[in-house]
N, C-alpha and C. Protein backbone atom coordinates (compact mmCIF):
# COMPACT_ATOMS: atom_id res chain seq x y z
N MET A 1 0.65 -1.24 0.18
CA MET A 1 0.19 -0.20 0.03
C MET A 1 1.30 1.58 0.25
N SER A 2 -0.14 2.19 -0.55
CA SER A 2 1.07 3.51 -0.35
C SER A 2 1.01 4.41 0.34
N SER A 3 1.85 5.30 0.92
CA SER A 3 1.77 6.05 2.27
C SER A 3 0.21 7.33 2.26
N GLU A 4 -0.24 7.35 0.69
CA GLU A 4 -1.46 7.99 0.60
C GLU A 4 -2.89 7.49 0.58
N THR A 5 -2.66 5.84 0.07
CA THR A 5 -4.04 5.11 0.91
C THR A 5 -4.05 4.19 2.16
N GLN A 6 -2.70 4.48 2.66
CA GLN A 6 -2.95 4.41 4.17
C GLN A 6 -3.26 5.36 4.94
N GLY A 7 -3.06 6.79 4.30
CA GLY A 7 -3.66 7.76 5.42
C GLY A 7 -4.78 7.85 5.28
N ALA A 8 -5.53 8.10 4.21
CA ALA A 8 -6.87 7.97 4.13
C ALA A 8 -7.61 7.02 5.16
N ASP A 9 -7.40 5.89 5.19
CA ASP A 9 -7.76 4.90 6.54
C ASP A 9 -7.74 5.43 7.87
N VAL A 10 -7.16 6.29 8.08
CA VAL A 10 -6.89 7.07 9.10
C VAL A 10 -7.91 7.75 9.93
N LYS A 11 -8.01 7.62 10.82
CA LYS A 11 -9.68 8.53 11.44
C LYS A 11 -9.06 9.55 12.03
N PRO A 12 -9.49 10.71 12.33
CA PRO A 12 -9.26 11.77 12.85
C PRO A 12 -9.36 11.39 14.67
N ARG A 13 -8.41 11.82 15.49
CA ARG A 13 -8.91 11.61 16.75
C ARG A 13 -9.84 11.94 17.39
N LYS A 14 -10.44 11.27 18.37
CA LYS A 14 -11.65 11.76 19.03
C LYS A 14 -11.38 12.85 20.28
N LEU A 15 -12.17 13.95 20.08
CA LEU A 15 -11.84 14.80 21.51
C LEU A 15 -12.37 13.99 22.45
N LYS A 16 -11.86 14.31 23.37
CA LYS A 16 -12.37 13.75 25.10
C LYS A 16 -13.12 14.91 25.04
N VAL A 17 -14.10 14.65 26.13
CA VAL A 17 -15.07 15.60 26.47
C VAL A 17 -15.54 14.75 28.34
N ALA A 18 -15.21 15.61 28.92
CA ALA A 18 -15.91 15.38 30.75
C ALA A 18 -17.13 16.19 31.07
N THR A 19 -18.10 15.84 31.74
CA THR A 19 -19.23 17.03 32.02
C THR A 19 -19.62 16.23 33.78
N VAL A 20 -19.79 17.54 34.67
CA VAL A 20 -20.35 17.50 35.57
C VAL A 20 -21.18 17.98 35.96
N SER A 21 -22.01 17.62 37.20
CA SER A 21 -23.10 18.79 37.97
C SER A 21 -22.78 18.85 39.19
N LEU A 22 -22.24 20.04 39.89
CA LEU A 22 -22.06 20.80 40.71
C LEU A 22 -23.42 20.82 41.74
N ALA A 23 -23.61 21.93 41.98
CA ALA A 23 -24.60 22.62 43.47
C ALA A 23 -25.86 23.03 41.90
N GLY A 24 -27.02 22.47 41.14
CA GLY A 24 -27.32 22.67 40.64
C GLY A 24 -29.13 21.31 40.36
N CYS A 25 -29.48 21.26 39.32
CA CYS A 25 -30.29 20.13 39.30
C CYS A 25 -30.68 19.12 38.09
N PHE A 26 -29.28 19.31 37.66
CA PHE A 26 -29.29 18.36 36.34
C PHE A 26 -30.41 18.40 35.30
N GLY A 27 -30.02 19.57 34.82
CA GLY A 27 -31.10 20.33 33.82
C GLY A 27 -30.33 20.13 32.66
N CYS A 28 -29.32 20.43 33.32
CA CYS A 28 -28.54 20.97 31.75
C CYS A 28 -27.57 19.49 30.79
N HIS A 29 -27.89 18.56 32.33
CA HIS A 29 -27.64 17.00 31.66
C HIS A 29 -28.90 16.41 30.48
N MET A 30 -29.72 16.81 31.15
CA MET A 30 -30.79 16.09 30.62
C MET A 30 -31.36 17.00 29.05
N SER A 31 -30.85 18.28 29.33
CA SER A 31 -30.73 18.77 28.02
C SER A 31 -30.00 18.20 26.94
N PHE A 32 -28.57 18.31 27.24
CA PHE A 32 -27.56 17.76 26.70
C PHE A 32 -28.37 16.08 25.93
N LEU A 33 -29.07 15.55 27.12
CA LEU A 33 -29.81 14.35 26.40
C LEU A 33 -31.02 14.56 24.88
N ASP A 34 -31.24 15.78 24.93
CA ASP A 34 -32.18 16.33 24.54
C ASP A 34 -31.77 16.80 23.19
N ILE A 35 -30.28 16.09 22.45
CA ILE A 35 -29.79 16.03 21.24
C ILE A 35 -30.00 15.05 20.68
N ASP A 36 -30.96 13.93 21.79
CA ASP A 36 -31.52 12.79 20.88
C ASP A 36 -31.23 12.30 20.45
N GLU A 37 -30.87 11.66 19.00
CA GLU A 37 -30.24 11.24 17.99
C GLU A 37 -29.37 11.23 17.37
N ARG A 38 -29.01 12.72 18.09
CA ARG A 38 -27.85 13.38 17.27
C ARG A 38 -26.26 12.73 18.14
N ILE A 39 -27.01 12.62 19.07
CA ILE A 39 -25.81 11.84 19.87
C ILE A 39 -24.81 10.84 19.18
N LEU A 40 -25.65 10.03 18.31
CA LEU A 40 -24.64 9.29 17.76
C LEU A 40 -23.81 9.33 16.61
N PRO A 41 -24.24 10.64 15.68
CA PRO A 41 -22.99 11.44 15.05
C PRO A 41 -22.44 11.68 15.61
N LEU A 42 -22.62 12.53 17.27
CA LEU A 42 -21.55 13.23 18.12
C LEU A 42 -20.19 12.25 18.86
N LEU A 43 -20.80 10.79 18.97
CA LEU A 43 -20.13 9.80 19.38
C LEU A 43 -19.01 9.18 18.22
N GLU A 44 -19.12 9.60 17.03
CA GLU A 44 -18.38 9.72 16.30
C GLU A 44 -16.96 10.55 15.75
N LEU A 45 -17.36 11.40 16.57
CA LEU A 45 -16.41 12.15 17.30
C LEU A 45 -15.82 12.87 18.25
N VAL A 46 -16.64 12.26 19.79
CA VAL A 46 -16.14 12.47 21.06
C VAL A 46 -15.65 11.07 21.55
N GLU A 47 -15.05 11.17 22.62
CA GLU A 47 -15.21 10.31 23.61
C GLU A 47 -15.22 10.46 24.86
N PHE A 48 -15.96 10.65 25.58
CA PHE A 48 -16.72 10.75 26.84
C PHE A 48 -15.47 10.05 28.04
N ASP A 49 -15.07 10.95 28.80
CA ASP A 49 -14.25 10.74 29.70
C ASP A 49 -15.73 10.87 31.45
N ARG A 50 -14.85 11.50 32.21
CA ARG A 50 -16.13 11.36 33.44
C ARG A 50 -17.23 12.16 33.09
N SER A 51 -18.20 11.58 32.70
CA SER A 51 -20.14 12.14 32.85
C SER A 51 -20.76 10.82 33.49
N PRO A 52 -21.80 11.63 33.54
CA PRO A 52 -23.07 10.31 34.00
C PRO A 52 -23.03 9.42 33.17
N ILE A 53 -22.74 9.63 31.86
CA ILE A 53 -22.72 8.48 30.26
C ILE A 53 -21.73 7.23 30.96
N THR A 54 -20.50 7.81 31.72
CA THR A 54 -19.51 6.76 31.90
C THR A 54 -19.63 6.27 33.05
N ASP A 55 -19.86 7.06 34.49
CA ASP A 55 -19.19 6.86 35.76
C ASP A 55 -18.12 6.47 36.27
N ILE A 56 -17.24 7.33 35.27
CA ILE A 56 -16.37 7.39 35.78
C ILE A 56 -15.76 8.61 36.97
N LYS A 57 -15.20 8.65 37.63
CA LYS A 57 -15.25 9.43 39.02
C LYS A 57 -14.26 10.63 38.84
N HIS A 58 -13.25 10.51 38.21
CA HIS A 58 -12.15 11.44 38.16
C HIS A 58 -12.05 12.20 36.85
N CYS A 59 -11.65 13.09 36.44
CA CYS A 59 -11.50 13.66 34.57
C CYS A 59 -9.74 13.57 34.85
N GLY A 60 -10.01 13.46 33.57
CA GLY A 60 -8.42 12.57 33.19
C GLY A 60 -8.14 13.98 31.94
N PRO A 61 -7.11 13.45 31.31
CA PRO A 61 -6.98 15.10 30.40
C PRO A 61 -7.59 14.97 29.39
N CYS A 62 -8.75 16.27 28.89
CA CYS A 62 -9.40 16.40 28.36
C CYS A 62 -9.48 17.75 27.16
N ASP A 63 -10.59 16.95 26.63
CA ASP A 63 -10.22 18.72 25.07
C ASP A 63 -11.33 19.49 25.78
N ILE A 64 -12.34 18.91 26.13
CA ILE A 64 -13.57 19.81 27.01
C ILE A 64 -14.10 19.38 27.88
N GLY A 65 -14.69 20.56 28.85
CA GLY A 65 -14.73 19.90 29.69
C GLY A 65 -16.36 20.84 30.00
N LEU A 66 -17.72 20.10 30.15
CA LEU A 66 -18.85 21.31 30.60
C LEU A 66 -19.39 20.77 31.83
N ILE A 67 -19.25 22.25 32.35
CA ILE A 67 -19.52 22.39 33.84
C ILE A 67 -21.25 22.87 34.52
N GLU A 68 -22.16 22.11 34.55
CA GLU A 68 -23.43 22.52 35.31
C GLU A 68 -23.36 22.73 36.37
N GLY A 69 -24.12 23.50 37.36
CA GLY A 69 -24.04 23.94 38.15
C GLY A 69 -23.03 25.04 38.97
N GLY A 70 -23.65 25.58 39.99
CA GLY A 70 -23.10 26.83 40.61
C GLY A 70 -22.05 25.77 41.95
N VAL A 71 -21.15 26.57 42.65
CA VAL A 71 -19.93 25.70 43.56
C VAL A 71 -21.33 26.16 44.86
N CYS A 72 -21.10 24.91 45.63
CA CYS A 72 -21.83 25.20 47.02
C CYS A 72 -20.95 24.92 48.13
N ASN A 73 -20.46 24.20 47.63
CA ASN A 73 -19.48 23.27 48.90
C ASN A 73 -17.77 23.39 48.31
N ALA A 74 -17.11 22.62 49.66
CA ALA A 74 -15.42 22.19 49.12
C ALA A 74 -15.29 21.32 48.30
N GLU A 75 -16.15 20.49 48.18
CA GLU A 75 -15.84 19.03 47.05
C GLU A 75 -16.45 19.93 45.87
N ASN A 76 -17.58 20.41 45.72
CA ASN A 76 -17.43 21.31 44.17
C ASN A 76 -16.34 22.27 43.82
N VAL A 77 -15.46 22.70 45.21
CA VAL A 77 -14.54 23.59 44.62
C VAL A 77 -13.63 22.88 44.10
N HIS A 78 -13.19 21.67 44.88
CA HIS A 78 -12.37 20.42 44.58
C HIS A 78 -12.63 20.00 42.85
N VAL A 79 -13.99 19.90 43.02
CA VAL A 79 -13.76 19.24 40.95
C VAL A 79 -13.93 20.21 40.14
N LEU A 80 -14.41 20.99 40.60
CA LEU A 80 -14.07 22.36 39.24
C LEU A 80 -12.77 22.64 39.09
N ARG A 81 -11.97 22.77 40.24
CA ARG A 81 -10.35 22.71 40.25
C ARG A 81 -9.81 21.39 39.14
N GLU A 82 -9.91 20.40 39.77
CA GLU A 82 -9.88 19.08 38.58
C GLU A 82 -10.49 19.30 37.12
N PHE A 83 -10.99 19.99 37.07
CA PHE A 83 -11.67 20.23 35.31
C PHE A 83 -10.99 20.91 34.98
N ARG A 84 -10.57 22.09 35.61
CA ARG A 84 -9.83 22.89 34.98
C ARG A 84 -7.96 22.83 34.61
N ALA A 85 -7.88 22.37 35.59
CA ALA A 85 -6.56 21.74 35.61
C ALA A 85 -6.45 20.20 34.24
N ASN A 86 -7.42 19.77 34.02
CA ASN A 86 -7.35 18.71 32.94
C ASN A 86 -7.82 18.87 31.29
N CYS A 87 -8.41 19.90 31.44
CA CYS A 87 -10.00 20.37 30.75
C CYS A 87 -8.74 22.01 29.55
N LYS A 88 -8.61 21.32 27.85
CA LYS A 88 -8.03 22.26 27.73
C LYS A 88 -8.64 23.33 27.57
N VAL A 89 -10.59 23.70 27.39
CA VAL A 89 -11.49 24.29 27.16
C VAL A 89 -12.53 24.01 28.38
N LEU A 90 -12.83 24.93 29.16
CA LEU A 90 -13.94 24.59 29.78
C LEU A 90 -15.32 25.84 29.37
N ILE A 91 -16.41 25.36 29.89
CA ILE A 91 -17.51 25.74 29.37
C ILE A 91 -18.61 25.97 30.44
N ALA A 92 -18.96 27.09 30.77
CA ALA A 92 -20.17 27.42 31.90
C ALA A 92 -21.67 26.45 30.92
N LEU A 93 -22.12 25.54 32.03
CA LEU A 93 -23.55 25.36 30.88
C LEU A 93 -24.86 25.36 32.30
N GLY A 94 -25.11 26.78 31.80
CA GLY A 94 -26.32 27.06 32.05
C GLY A 94 -26.55 28.03 33.22
N ALA A 95 -27.53 28.23 33.54
CA ALA A 95 -27.55 29.62 34.86
C ALA A 95 -26.76 29.11 35.90
N CYS A 96 -27.10 28.25 36.18
CA CYS A 96 -26.17 28.01 37.74
C CYS A 96 -24.60 28.16 37.63
N ALA A 97 -24.04 27.56 36.72
CA ALA A 97 -22.98 27.73 36.40
C ALA A 97 -22.54 28.84 36.05
N VAL A 98 -22.60 29.62 34.88
CA VAL A 98 -22.61 31.09 34.66
C VAL A 98 -23.04 31.95 35.70
N ASN A 99 -24.30 31.94 36.65
CA ASN A 99 -24.56 32.91 37.63
C ASN A 99 -24.53 33.03 38.95
N GLY A 100 -24.13 31.32 39.43
CA GLY A 100 -25.02 30.74 40.55
C GLY A 100 -26.54 30.49 40.14
N GLY A 101 -27.47 30.55 39.62
CA GLY A 101 -28.72 30.26 39.49
C GLY A 101 -29.72 30.15 40.47
N LEU A 102 -30.36 29.30 40.59
CA LEU A 102 -31.25 29.19 41.51
C LEU A 102 -30.37 28.86 43.11
N PRO A 103 -29.60 28.28 43.02
CA PRO A 103 -29.03 27.80 44.59
C PRO A 103 -28.28 29.17 45.33
N ALA A 104 -28.12 29.89 44.21
CA ALA A 104 -27.38 31.03 44.57
C ALA A 104 -28.20 32.07 45.44
N GLN A 105 -29.66 31.68 45.21
CA GLN A 105 -31.18 32.76 46.38
C GLN A 105 -30.69 32.21 47.38
N ARG A 106 -29.71 31.29 48.36
CA ARG A 106 -29.60 31.39 49.70
C ARG A 106 -28.39 32.37 50.45
N ASN A 107 -27.94 33.36 48.96
CA ASN A 107 -26.40 34.03 49.15
C ASN A 107 -27.36 35.08 50.20
N HIS A 108 -27.94 35.38 49.99
CA HIS A 108 -28.60 36.59 51.22
C HIS A 108 -29.09 36.26 52.82
N LEU A 109 -29.18 35.00 52.83
CA LEU A 109 -28.78 34.49 54.42
C LEU A 109 -27.90 34.02 54.83
N GLU A 110 -27.84 34.25 56.15
CA GLU A 110 -26.70 33.67 57.00
C GLU A 110 -26.65 32.14 56.80
N LEU A 111 -25.21 31.06 56.27
CA LEU A 111 -25.70 29.45 56.62
C LEU A 111 -26.19 29.20 57.62
N ALA A 112 -25.38 29.72 58.78
CA ALA A 112 -25.93 28.86 60.23
C ALA A 112 -27.17 29.06 60.33
N ASP A 113 -27.79 30.42 59.90
CA ASP A 113 -29.90 30.26 60.15
C ASP A 113 -30.06 29.56 58.87
N ILE A 114 -29.71 28.67 57.83
CA ILE A 114 -29.74 28.09 56.96
C ILE A 114 -30.10 26.74 57.11
N LEU A 115 -29.13 26.15 58.07
CA LEU A 115 -28.86 25.34 58.52
C LEU A 115 -29.48 24.71 59.96
N GLN A 116 -29.40 25.71 60.60
CA GLN A 116 -30.59 25.86 62.08
C GLN A 116 -31.38 25.41 61.63
N GLN A 117 -32.53 26.18 60.41
CA GLN A 117 -34.03 26.02 60.03
C GLN A 117 -34.42 24.62 59.29
N VAL A 118 -33.04 24.59 58.45
CA VAL A 118 -33.34 23.24 57.60
C VAL A 118 -33.45 21.54 58.43
N TYR A 119 -32.12 21.49 59.55
CA TYR A 119 -32.32 20.54 60.49
C TYR A 119 -32.62 20.60 61.82
N ARG A 120 -32.87 22.00 62.33
CA ARG A 120 -33.22 22.18 64.00
C ARG A 120 -34.44 23.08 64.28
N THR A 121 -35.21 23.45 63.38
CA THR A 121 -36.09 24.24 63.58
C THR A 121 -37.29 24.37 62.81
N GLY A 122 -36.98 23.87 61.74
CA GLY A 122 -38.22 23.88 60.66
C GLY A 122 -39.18 23.10 60.81
N HIS A 123 -40.81 23.44 60.63
CA HIS A 123 -41.62 22.02 60.12
C HIS A 123 -41.59 21.25 59.54
N GLY A 124 -41.91 20.42 61.00
CA GLY A 124 -42.10 18.82 60.48
C GLY A 124 -40.95 17.69 61.15
N LEU A 125 -40.09 18.42 61.71
CA LEU A 125 -38.54 17.98 61.98
C LEU A 125 -38.99 17.25 63.96
N ALA A 126 -38.45 15.84 63.53
CA ALA A 126 -38.44 15.26 64.73
C ALA A 126 -37.99 16.10 65.89
N ASP A 127 -38.32 16.23 67.29
CA ASP A 127 -37.36 16.17 68.47
C ASP A 127 -35.57 15.89 68.19
N GLY A 128 -34.74 16.80 68.67
CA GLY A 128 -33.72 16.42 68.78
C GLY A 128 -32.78 16.62 67.57
N SER A 129 -33.61 16.59 66.91
CA SER A 129 -32.43 16.59 65.15
C SER A 129 -31.53 17.10 65.19
N GLN A 130 -30.55 16.63 64.54
CA GLN A 130 -28.92 17.94 64.57
C GLN A 130 -28.83 18.44 62.82
N ILE A 131 -27.91 19.03 63.18
CA ILE A 131 -27.35 19.53 62.03
C ILE A 131 -26.12 18.63 61.63
N PRO A 132 -26.20 17.68 60.21
CA PRO A 132 -25.34 16.49 60.13
C PRO A 132 -23.90 17.06 60.37
N SER A 133 -23.12 16.46 61.00
CA SER A 133 -21.50 16.74 60.70
C SER A 133 -20.80 15.63 60.63
N ASP A 134 -21.67 14.63 59.83
CA ASP A 134 -20.05 13.56 59.02
C ASP A 134 -19.33 14.01 58.76
N PRO A 135 -17.67 13.55 58.84
CA PRO A 135 -16.59 13.93 57.74
C PRO A 135 -16.68 13.34 56.63
N GLU A 136 -17.77 12.84 55.90
CA GLU A 136 -17.53 12.35 54.55
C GLU A 136 -18.58 13.30 53.77
N LEU A 137 -19.26 14.42 54.58
CA LEU A 137 -19.96 15.14 53.78
C LEU A 137 -19.39 16.53 54.18
N PRO A 138 -19.21 17.03 52.47
CA PRO A 138 -18.23 18.30 51.90
C PRO A 138 -19.11 19.78 52.67
N LEU A 139 -18.14 19.95 53.35
CA LEU A 139 -18.24 21.13 53.87
C LEU A 139 -18.88 22.75 52.94
N PRO A 140 -20.25 22.78 53.41
CA PRO A 140 -20.47 23.94 52.31
C PRO A 140 -20.11 25.05 52.58
N LEU A 141 -19.70 26.01 51.63
CA LEU A 141 -19.67 27.16 51.52
C LEU A 141 -20.42 28.19 52.28
N ASN A 142 -20.47 29.54 52.35
CA ASN A 142 -20.98 30.27 53.27
C ASN A 142 -21.74 31.33 51.95
N GLN A 143 -21.16 31.31 50.74
CA GLN A 143 -21.89 31.92 49.26
C GLN A 143 -22.10 30.65 48.37
N VAL A 144 -23.17 30.75 47.38
CA VAL A 144 -23.01 29.69 45.95
C VAL A 144 -22.47 30.68 44.87
N HIS A 145 -21.06 30.36 44.51
CA HIS A 145 -20.67 30.95 43.64
C HIS A 145 -20.86 30.63 42.04
N ALA A 146 -20.78 31.42 41.31
CA ALA A 146 -20.77 30.91 39.71
C ALA A 146 -19.26 30.20 39.92
N VAL A 147 -19.27 29.34 38.79
CA VAL A 147 -17.86 28.65 38.49
C VAL A 147 -16.76 29.38 37.46
N HIS A 148 -17.08 30.64 37.00
CA HIS A 148 -16.22 31.24 36.93
C HIS A 148 -15.39 32.58 38.12
N GLU A 149 -15.95 32.32 39.27
CA GLU A 149 -15.22 33.00 40.22
C GLU A 149 -14.11 32.31 41.39
N VAL A 150 -14.31 31.03 41.04
CA VAL A 150 -13.52 29.87 41.32
C VAL A 150 -12.10 29.71 40.37
N VAL A 151 -12.52 29.55 39.12
CA VAL A 151 -11.66 28.55 37.79
C VAL A 151 -11.75 29.64 36.68
N ARG A 152 -11.12 29.36 35.98
CA ARG A 152 -11.21 30.57 34.23
C ARG A 152 -11.82 29.42 33.43
N ILE A 153 -12.64 30.15 32.67
CA ILE A 153 -13.89 29.48 31.79
C ILE A 153 -13.24 30.02 30.67
N ASP A 154 -13.72 29.07 29.73
CA ASP A 154 -13.44 29.51 28.54
C ASP A 154 -14.56 30.00 27.99
N TYR A 155 -15.91 29.52 27.85
CA TYR A 155 -16.64 30.25 27.30
C TYR A 155 -18.35 29.59 28.09
N PHE A 156 -19.25 30.33 28.24
CA PHE A 156 -20.06 30.49 28.87
C PHE A 156 -21.50 30.31 27.87
N LEU A 157 -22.09 29.17 28.11
CA LEU A 157 -23.59 28.63 27.38
C LEU A 157 -24.40 29.21 28.74
N PRO A 158 -25.76 30.03 28.88
CA PRO A 158 -26.48 30.55 29.35
C PRO A 158 -27.61 29.38 28.76
N GLY A 159 -29.01 29.77 29.97
CA GLY A 159 -29.90 29.18 29.49
C GLY A 159 -30.42 28.30 31.12
N CYS A 160 -31.35 28.00 31.44
CA CYS A 160 -32.20 27.18 32.69
C CYS A 160 -33.18 26.35 32.20
N PRO A 161 -32.69 25.39 31.24
CA PRO A 161 -31.48 25.12 31.15
C PRO A 161 -31.18 25.48 29.37
N PRO A 162 -29.86 25.94 29.18
CA PRO A 162 -29.99 25.71 27.63
C PRO A 162 -30.38 24.66 26.97
N SER A 163 -31.33 25.34 25.46
CA SER A 163 -31.57 23.43 24.95
C SER A 163 -30.61 22.66 24.01
N GLY A 164 -31.10 21.47 24.18
CA GLY A 164 -30.34 20.40 23.26
C GLY A 164 -30.46 21.03 22.28
N ASP A 165 -30.47 21.81 21.15
CA ASP A 165 -30.84 22.44 20.33
C ASP A 165 -29.53 23.37 20.02
N ALA A 166 -28.73 24.01 21.32
CA ALA A 166 -28.09 25.07 21.93
C ALA A 166 -26.47 24.61 22.04
N ILE A 167 -27.12 23.24 23.27
CA ILE A 167 -25.82 22.84 22.80
C ILE A 167 -25.25 22.14 22.10
N TRP A 168 -26.33 21.23 20.99
CA TRP A 168 -25.63 20.64 19.87
C TRP A 168 -25.02 21.66 19.07
N ALA A 169 -25.39 22.65 18.81
CA ALA A 169 -24.70 24.00 17.91
C ALA A 169 -23.35 24.15 18.50
N PHE A 170 -23.47 24.54 19.94
CA PHE A 170 -21.93 25.18 20.45
C PHE A 170 -21.41 24.08 20.40
N LEU A 171 -21.50 22.77 20.45
CA LEU A 171 -20.05 21.49 20.58
C LEU A 171 -19.71 21.29 19.07
N THR A 172 -20.61 21.43 18.71
CA THR A 172 -20.44 20.68 17.06
C THR A 172 -19.34 22.09 16.12
N GLN A 173 -20.15 23.36 16.72
CA GLN A 173 -19.01 24.33 16.14
C GLN A 173 -17.78 24.56 16.91
N LEU A 174 -17.54 24.14 18.23
CA LEU A 174 -16.25 23.66 19.04
C LEU A 174 -15.80 22.81 18.25
N ILE A 175 -16.12 21.73 17.99
CA ILE A 175 -15.92 20.68 17.30
C ILE A 175 -14.47 20.76 16.31
N GLU A 176 -16.07 21.51 15.51
CA GLU A 176 -15.22 21.86 14.09
C GLU A 176 -13.57 23.00 14.13
N GLY A 177 -13.34 23.44 15.26
CA GLY A 177 -12.75 24.07 15.48
C GLY A 177 -12.95 25.86 15.24
N LYS A 178 -14.14 26.06 15.25
CA LYS A 178 -14.87 27.11 14.57
C LYS A 178 -15.06 27.80 16.05
N GLU A 179 -15.20 29.38 16.55
CA GLU A 179 -15.74 29.86 17.43
C GLU A 179 -17.09 29.98 17.49
N PRO A 180 -17.55 29.20 18.81
CA PRO A 180 -19.07 29.02 18.99
C PRO A 180 -19.79 30.49 19.13
N THR A 181 -21.17 30.30 18.25
CA THR A 181 -21.51 31.63 17.86
C THR A 181 -22.91 31.31 18.30
N LEU A 182 -23.97 31.64 18.62
CA LEU A 182 -25.83 31.43 19.10
C LEU A 182 -25.93 32.37 18.73
N GLY A 183 -27.22 32.55 17.92
CA GLY A 183 -28.03 33.12 17.37
C GLY A 183 -29.13 33.78 18.15
N HIS A 184 -30.45 34.42 18.50
CA HIS A 184 -31.50 34.93 19.06
C HIS A 184 -32.28 33.15 19.03
N GLY A 185 -32.08 32.89 18.23
CA GLY A 185 -32.84 31.69 18.18
C GLY A 185 -33.00 30.15 18.51
N LEU A 186 -31.52 30.00 19.04
CA LEU A 186 -31.11 29.29 19.97
C LEU A 186 -30.86 29.72 21.41
N LEU A 187 -30.64 30.79 21.72
CA LEU A 187 -30.46 31.74 22.92
C LEU A 187 -31.97 32.22 23.49
N HIS A 188 -32.47 31.45 24.50
CA HIS A 188 -33.75 32.54 25.08
C HIS A 188 -33.83 31.48 26.37
N TYR A 189 -34.98 32.23 26.85
CA TYR A 189 -35.04 31.66 28.53
C TYR A 189 -36.42 31.97 28.57
N ASP A 190 -37.06 30.61 28.72
CA ASP A 190 -38.62 30.14 29.25
C ASP A 190 -38.53 30.70 30.43
């Protein structure tokens, strides 16, 4: 075989993609699944690292990282820093990652007061209820943060959640080496 024929059989390297949900509702991952049958051609172009699809627990070296959710505890900070260290491109996916979203609504309250209300004095709690203090539980932060407040983010894809069509368009443009742009038709807030 000539070198020209051998080169024709070589497939381009698949990009590695990792995803994670921090403090959020998992709606952005559900939107990602709303790309429906387009996931099959996507799988021709990418290989998933850490994600709910693979159940890999740590992010390895990746080309693209998708971060859903805000940062509300020490574990979120650790995971986010791991993604930044291992992903060439990091994308904040959805309102919680972009600006803290619904979880950040607690930011105007004192954390101690929230824990007291939820675990000690709230309606329907049994007498003697205690605030959990198991060392296995991640320490909560005083405030919920958008991901860009903790690490450098390369792209922001807003929405609550962004549509499957918006995620598809954004990812395919990025995979093709283009600067992702989404028009008014794909960015909307319901």
